[in-house]
Amino acid sequence: MQDISFIVDESFTGYRTEGFLVTHIHVFTASLFNKIVILDSSMELKKSQ
């Protein structure tokens, strides 16, 4: 599981973090951030219509 996390983390941050917990926090934060961005852009679309 750790290897997959490192791959995902590197694609988000561009560098390899030290440690399992840190990696999972990065992956969680990045996926949460992506969801927020998606929500934001759909709100903007509704406002402009």
C-alpha atoms as a PDB file:
ATOM      1  CA  MET A   1       0.000   0.000   0.000  1.00  0.00           C
ATOM      2  CA  GLN A   2       2.839   2.369   0.831  1.00  0.00           C
ATOM      3  CA  ASP A   3       4.334   2.134  -2.674  1.00  0.00           C
ATOM      4  CA  ILE A   4       1.032   3.156  -4.300  1.00  0.00           C
ATOM      5  CA  SER A   5       0.770   6.097  -1.894  1.00  0.00           C
ATOM      6  CA  PHE A   6       4.237   7.289  -2.837  1.00  0.00           C
ATOM      7  CA  ILE A   7       3.361   7.175  -6.543  1.00  0.00           C
ATOM      8  CA  VAL A   8       0.150   9.157  -6.010  1.00  0.00           C
ATOM      9  CA  ASP A   9       1.910  11.605  -3.703  1.00  0.00           C
ATOM     10  CA  GLU A  10       4.688  12.256  -6.201  1.00  0.00           C
ATOM     11  CA  SER A  11       2.174  13.011  -8.938  1.00  0.00           C
ATOM     12  CA  PHE A  12       0.529  15.645  -6.719  1.00  0.00           C
ATOM     13  CA  THR A  13       3.586  17.235  -5.107  1.00  0.00           C
ATOM     14  CA  GLY A  14       6.480  16.413  -7.429  1.00  0.00           C
ATOM     15  CA  TYR A  15       8.702  15.101  -4.635  1.00  0.00           C
ATOM     16  CA  ARG A  16       8.930  12.006  -2.456  1.00  0.00           C
ATOM     17  CA  THR A  17       7.883  12.636   1.138  1.00  0.00           C
ATOM     18  CA  GLU A  18       9.429  10.845   4.096  1.00  0.00           C
ATOM     19  CA  GLY A  19       7.201   8.432   5.931  1.00  0.00           C
ATOM     20  CA  PHE A  20       3.900   6.655   5.525  1.00  0.00           C
ATOM     21  CA  LEU A  21       1.715   9.048   7.540  1.00  0.00           C
ATOM     22  CA  VAL A  22       2.985  12.173   5.810  1.00  0.00           C
ATOM     23  CA  THR A  23       2.357  10.571   2.417  1.00  0.00           C
ATOM     24  CA  HIS A  24      -1.228   9.739   3.306  1.00  0.00           C
ATOM     25  CA  ILE A  25      -1.841  13.258   4.590  1.00  0.00           C
ATOM     26  CA  HIS A  26      -0.520  14.637   1.289  1.00  0.00           C
ATOM     27  CA  VAL A  27      -2.732  12.318  -0.750  1.00  0.00           C
ATOM     28  CA  PHE A  28      -5.783  13.113   1.386  1.00  0.00           C
ATOM     29  CA  THR A  29      -5.152  16.851   1.248  1.00  0.00           C
ATOM     30  CA  ALA A  30      -4.600  16.776  -2.493  1.00  0.00           C
ATOM     31  CA  SER A  31      -7.778  14.798  -3.190  1.00  0.00           C
ATOM     32  CA  LEU A  32      -9.738  17.056  -0.827  1.00  0.00           C
ATOM     33  CA  PHE A  33      -8.290  20.111  -2.594  1.00  0.00           C
ATOM     34  CA  ASN A  34      -9.309  18.671  -5.967  1.00  0.00           C
ATOM     35  CA  LYS A  35     -12.896  18.231  -4.699  1.00  0.00           C
ATOM     36  CA  ILE A  36     -12.960  21.813  -3.424  1.00  0.00           C
ATOM     37  CA  VAL A  37     -11.691  23.093  -6.787  1.00  0.00           C
ATOM     38  CA  ILE A  38     -14.394  21.103  -8.604  1.00  0.00           C
ATOM     39  CA  LEU A  39     -17.061  22.490  -6.258  1.00  0.00           C
ATOM     40  CA  ASP A  40     -15.719  26.034  -6.748  1.00  0.00           C
ATOM     41  CA  SER A  41     -15.787  25.824 -10.521  1.00  0.00           C
ATOM     42  CA  SER A  42     -19.330  24.435 -10.573  1.00  0.00           C
ATOM     43  CA  MET A  43     -20.441  27.315  -8.307  1.00  0.00           C
ATOM     44  CA  GLU A  44     -18.849  29.793 -10.721  1.00  0.00           C
ATOM     45  CA  LEU A  45     -20.678  28.200 -13.629  1.00  0.00           C
ATOM     46  CA  LYS A  46     -24.014  28.564 -11.833  1.00  0.00           C
ATOM     47  CA  LYS A  47     -23.308  32.226 -11.025  1.00  0.00           C
ATOM     48  CA  SER A  48     -22.479  33.073 -14.628  1.00  0.00           C
ATOM     49  CA  GLN A  49     -25.634  31.522 -16.055  1.00  0.00           C
END
